[in-house]
Protein backbone atom coordinates (compact mmCIF):
# COMPACT_ATOMS: atom_id res chain seq x y z
CA UNK A 1 48.35 -21.28 49.55
CA UNK A 2 45.56 -18.96 50.50
CA UNK A 3 42.93 -18.30 47.76
CA UNK A 4 43.53 -21.59 45.88
CA UNK A 5 40.94 -24.29 45.61
CA UNK A 6 42.36 -27.53 46.94
CA UNK A 7 41.14 -30.94 45.82
CA UNK A 8 43.90 -32.93 47.37
CA UNK A 9 46.56 -32.39 49.94
CA UNK A 10 49.53 -32.23 47.58
CA UNK A 11 48.31 -30.18 44.49
CA UNK A 12 45.97 -27.22 43.76
CA UNK A 13 42.90 -27.51 41.55
CA UNK A 14 43.08 -26.57 37.88
CA UNK A 15 41.46 -23.30 36.71
CA UNK A 16 37.84 -23.71 35.50
CA UNK A 17 37.25 -23.70 31.75
CA UNK A 18 34.89 -20.79 30.87
CA UNK A 19 33.44 -22.80 27.95
CA UNK A 20 32.53 -25.88 30.02
CA UNK A 21 32.14 -24.84 33.64
CA UNK A 22 30.01 -21.94 34.93
CA UNK A 23 31.73 -19.03 36.54
CA UNK A 24 31.44 -19.10 40.37
CA UNK A 25 30.17 -15.51 40.43
CA UNK A 26 27.82 -15.70 37.39
CA UNK A 27 28.28 -15.87 33.60
CA UNK A 28 31.63 -14.88 32.21
CA UNK A 29 31.84 -11.25 31.09
CA UNK A 30 33.58 -10.43 27.79
CA UNK A 31 36.60 -8.25 27.79
CA UNK A 32 36.37 -4.69 26.53
CA UNK A 33 37.70 -3.79 23.07
CA UNK A 34 37.65 -5.59 19.71
CA UNK A 35 39.18 -8.76 21.11
CA UNK A 36 36.65 -8.87 23.89
CA UNK A 37 33.80 -8.36 21.38
CA UNK A 38 35.05 -11.22 19.20
CA UNK A 39 35.42 -13.41 22.29
CA UNK A 40 31.85 -12.60 23.37
CA UNK A 41 30.40 -13.65 20.01
CA UNK A 42 32.58 -16.76 19.94
CA UNK A 43 31.41 -17.63 23.45
CA UNK A 44 27.78 -17.26 22.30
CA UNK A 45 28.40 -19.42 19.25
CA UNK A 46 28.11 -16.54 16.70
CA UNK A 47 30.77 -14.89 14.50
CA UNK A 48 31.57 -11.19 15.01
CA UNK A 49 28.99 -8.76 13.49
CA UNK A 50 26.51 -11.59 12.86
CA UNK A 51 23.73 -9.79 14.71
CA UNK A 52 24.35 -6.55 12.79
CA UNK A 53 24.19 -8.38 9.44
CA UNK A 54 21.00 -10.15 10.52
CA UNK A 55 19.22 -6.86 11.29
CA UNK A 56 20.53 -5.04 8.21
CA UNK A 57 18.93 -7.38 5.69
CA UNK A 58 20.20 -8.64 2.32
CA UNK A 59 19.00 -5.72 0.20
CA UNK A 60 22.08 -3.46 0.18
CA UNK A 61 25.36 -4.85 -1.20
CA UNK A 62 28.23 -5.25 1.20
CA UNK A 63 30.89 -2.59 1.03
CA UNK A 64 28.60 -0.08 -0.80
CA UNK A 65 29.09 3.70 -0.32
CA UNK A 66 27.72 4.90 3.00
CA UNK A 67 28.48 1.70 4.87
CA UNK A 68 29.82 2.14 8.44
CA UNK A 69 32.73 -0.24 7.72
CA UNK A 70 33.79 -2.56 4.89
CA UNK A 71 31.52 -5.55 4.59
CA UNK A 72 28.56 -3.85 6.29
CA UNK A 73 25.41 -3.08 4.18
CA UNK A 74 25.01 0.53 3.07
CA UNK A 75 22.43 2.91 4.50
CA UNK A 76 19.30 4.00 2.60
CA UNK A 77 20.09 6.24 -0.36
CA UNK A 78 17.55 9.08 -1.01
CA UNK A 79 15.78 9.12 -4.36
CA UNK A 80 16.78 11.96 -6.66
CA UNK A 81 13.96 14.43 -7.42
CA UNK A 82 12.59 14.83 -10.94
CA UNK A 83 13.18 17.82 -13.21
CA UNK A 84 9.87 19.56 -12.47
CA UNK A 85 10.45 19.42 -8.72
CA UNK A 86 13.99 20.75 -9.13
CA UNK A 87 12.70 23.57 -11.36
CA UNK A 88 10.02 24.59 -8.83
CA UNK A 89 12.49 24.48 -5.95
CA UNK A 90 15.00 26.53 -7.95
CA UNK A 91 12.39 29.18 -8.79
CA UNK A 92 11.22 29.27 -5.18
CA UNK A 93 14.78 29.78 -3.95
CA UNK A 94 15.48 32.60 -6.42
CA UNK A 95 12.12 34.40 -6.10
CA UNK A 96 11.92 37.38 -3.71
CA UNK A 97 10.13 36.78 -0.46
CA UNK A 98 7.19 39.00 -1.46
CA UNK A 99 6.45 37.04 -4.67
CA UNK A 100 4.28 34.34 -3.09
CA UNK A 101 2.16 36.75 -0.95
CA UNK A 102 1.73 38.98 -4.01
CA UNK A 103 0.52 36.03 -6.11
CA UNK A 104 -1.94 35.03 -3.35
CA UNK A 105 -3.16 38.62 -3.11
CA UNK A 106 -3.68 38.63 -6.88
CA UNK A 107 -5.89 35.53 -6.62
CA UNK A 108 -7.95 37.16 -3.88
CA UNK A 109 -8.23 40.33 -5.95
CA UNK A 110 -9.48 38.38 -8.96
CA UNK A 111 -12.21 36.78 -6.82
CA UNK A 112 -13.31 40.15 -5.45
CA UNK A 113 -13.29 41.69 -8.93
CA UNK A 114 -15.42 38.85 -10.28
CA UNK A 115 -17.97 39.30 -7.48
CA UNK A 116 -18.19 43.05 -8.12
CA UNK A 117 -18.45 42.82 -11.90
CA UNK A 118 -20.83 39.87 -12.18
CA UNK A 119 -23.23 41.11 -9.44
CA UNK A 120 -24.52 37.64 -8.47
CA UNK A 121 -27.51 39.16 -6.66
CA UNK A 122 -29.10 40.07 -10.03
CA UNK A 123 -28.13 36.96 -12.02
CA UNK A 124 -30.45 34.03 -12.68
CA UNK A 125 -30.06 30.90 -10.55
CA UNK A 126 -29.00 28.86 -13.60
CA UNK A 127 -26.64 31.50 -15.00
CA UNK A 128 -23.14 30.22 -15.81
CA UNK A 129 -21.10 29.44 -13.85
CA UNK A 130 -23.60 27.73 -11.61
CA UNK A 131 -23.60 25.09 -8.88
CA UNK A 132 -23.89 21.63 -10.42
CA UNK A 133 -25.60 20.18 -7.31
CA UNK A 134 -28.25 22.90 -7.25
CA UNK A 135 -28.76 22.70 -11.02
CA UNK A 136 -29.42 18.94 -10.90
CA UNK A 137 -31.12 18.47 -7.51
CA UNK A 138 -32.34 21.91 -6.49
CA UNK A 139 -30.47 21.68 -3.16
CA UNK A 140 -27.98 24.21 -1.82
CA UNK A 141 -24.44 22.90 -1.64
CA UNK A 142 -22.11 23.84 1.26
CA UNK A 143 -20.78 26.80 -0.75
CA UNK A 144 -23.98 28.12 -2.28
CA UNK A 145 -24.51 31.80 -1.50
CA UNK A 146 -20.83 32.50 -0.80
CA UNK A 147 -20.34 34.79 -3.81
CA UNK A 148 -23.50 36.74 -3.01
CA UNK A 149 -22.43 36.97 0.63
CA UNK A 150 -19.08 38.40 -0.50
CA UNK A 151 -20.87 40.94 -2.71
CA UNK A 152 -23.00 42.11 0.22
CA UNK A 153 -19.95 42.30 2.51
CA UNK A 154 -18.14 44.49 -0.03
CA UNK A 155 -21.19 46.78 -0.07
CA UNK A 156 -21.44 46.89 3.74
CA UNK A 157 -24.70 44.93 4.04
CA UNK A 158 -23.75 42.36 6.69
CA UNK A 159 -27.32 41.14 7.50
CA UNK A 160 -27.93 40.27 3.85
CA UNK A 161 -24.53 38.62 3.63
CA UNK A 162 -25.24 36.51 6.74
CA UNK A 163 -28.61 35.53 5.33
CA UNK A 164 -26.93 34.12 2.19
CA UNK A 165 -24.06 32.33 3.94
CA UNK A 166 -23.74 32.81 7.70
CA UNK A 167 -20.62 30.68 8.15
CA UNK A 168 -18.77 32.54 5.40
CA UNK A 169 -19.41 35.87 7.14
CA UNK A 170 -18.37 34.33 10.48
CA UNK A 171 -15.09 32.95 9.09
CA UNK A 172 -14.19 35.98 6.95
CA UNK A 173 -12.46 38.01 9.74
CA UNK A 174 -10.33 35.00 10.73
CA UNK A 175 -9.38 34.29 7.12
CA UNK A 176 -8.49 37.96 6.58
CA UNK A 177 -6.25 38.06 9.64
CA UNK A 178 -4.56 34.79 8.68
CA UNK A 179 -3.69 36.19 5.27
CA UNK A 180 -2.54 39.60 6.54
CA UNK A 181 -0.32 38.08 9.26
CA UNK A 182 1.18 35.50 6.91
CA UNK A 183 1.81 37.96 4.05
CA UNK A 184 3.14 40.71 6.33
CA UNK A 185 5.52 38.41 8.20
CA UNK A 186 6.79 36.80 5.01
CA UNK A 187 7.03 39.82 2.69
CA UNK A 188 7.91 42.65 5.06
CA UNK A 189 9.32 40.89 8.11
CA UNK A 190 6.53 42.03 10.42
CA UNK A 191 6.10 40.30 13.77
CA UNK A 192 2.34 39.89 13.69
CA UNK A 193 0.95 37.04 15.80
CA UNK A 194 -0.45 34.30 13.60
CA UNK A 195 -3.63 32.56 14.73
CA UNK A 196 -3.17 28.91 15.63
CA UNK A 197 -6.17 26.60 15.43
CA UNK A 198 -6.07 23.17 17.00
CA UNK A 199 -7.41 20.13 15.13
CA UNK A 200 -10.34 20.07 17.55
CA UNK A 201 -11.37 23.63 16.64
CA UNK A 202 -11.08 22.87 12.93
CA UNK A 203 -13.14 19.70 13.39
CA UNK A 204 -15.89 21.61 15.24
CA UNK A 205 -16.01 24.22 12.47
CA UNK A 206 -16.27 21.57 9.74
CA UNK A 207 -19.01 19.77 11.69
CA UNK A 208 -20.93 23.04 12.06
CA UNK A 209 -20.53 23.65 8.33
CA UNK A 210 -21.98 20.20 7.62
CA UNK A 211 -24.97 20.82 9.91
CA UNK A 212 -25.55 24.23 8.30
CA UNK A 213 -25.49 22.63 4.84
CA UNK A 214 -28.25 20.20 5.88
CA UNK A 215 -30.38 22.65 7.86
CA UNK A 216 -30.54 25.24 5.08
CA UNK A 217 -32.24 22.67 2.81
CA UNK A 218 -35.00 21.69 5.25
CA UNK A 219 -38.45 22.62 3.86
CA UNK A 220 -39.84 23.94 7.17
CA UNK A 221 -39.82 27.36 8.77
CA UNK A 222 -37.60 28.96 10.00
CA UNK A 223 -35.06 26.91 8.01
CA UNK A 224 -36.55 28.00 4.70
CA UNK A 225 -35.14 31.49 5.31
CA UNK A 226 -31.62 30.07 4.90
CA UNK A 227 -32.33 28.68 1.43
CA UNK A 228 -30.68 30.73 -1.33
């Protein structure tokens, strides 16, 4: 007959065994469906789902809640939060949307009120509260002069404010806009554009702040004019 492999004149050849003889057109392909999957693993010398159990690991018990099927290890179970976290999240969910911006505005107001009442431009250098670094070493820290710069800004004297802390005066408009846009969008639903700073810009600003902190302590002119 046509299509049959003949080894002798009087009888056809037997069908090749897929487990012992290679397929004439390549390796044998498993059938589709559960039976075909089981046959494929049996042909490879592995029981069904052996690979899945090998990757899952022995940590989760078989048949636990969340398992894809009986006998398969369960998925990772999230850890329950503690009481303090649940309390904070519950208060945050129940608080009105203007509560957080109002609290932030209160903190800013307290800082401004302290600068106006204390008048740091007339206080002694070692008056409390004072900078620990300047009290022990005599050097200006990265934040020294910020309160005096704020006092001068509130009184409209920008040159004096820049002389006490130039970077604070430079960053103040950006900080003000960030707060106004965030508070307005959150509390009142405004559509103000919020400034977006890339990590590179933030890194350049921090590097400039570090250089400014070193330069203002140099004992040579004109750097001595930056010492406060």
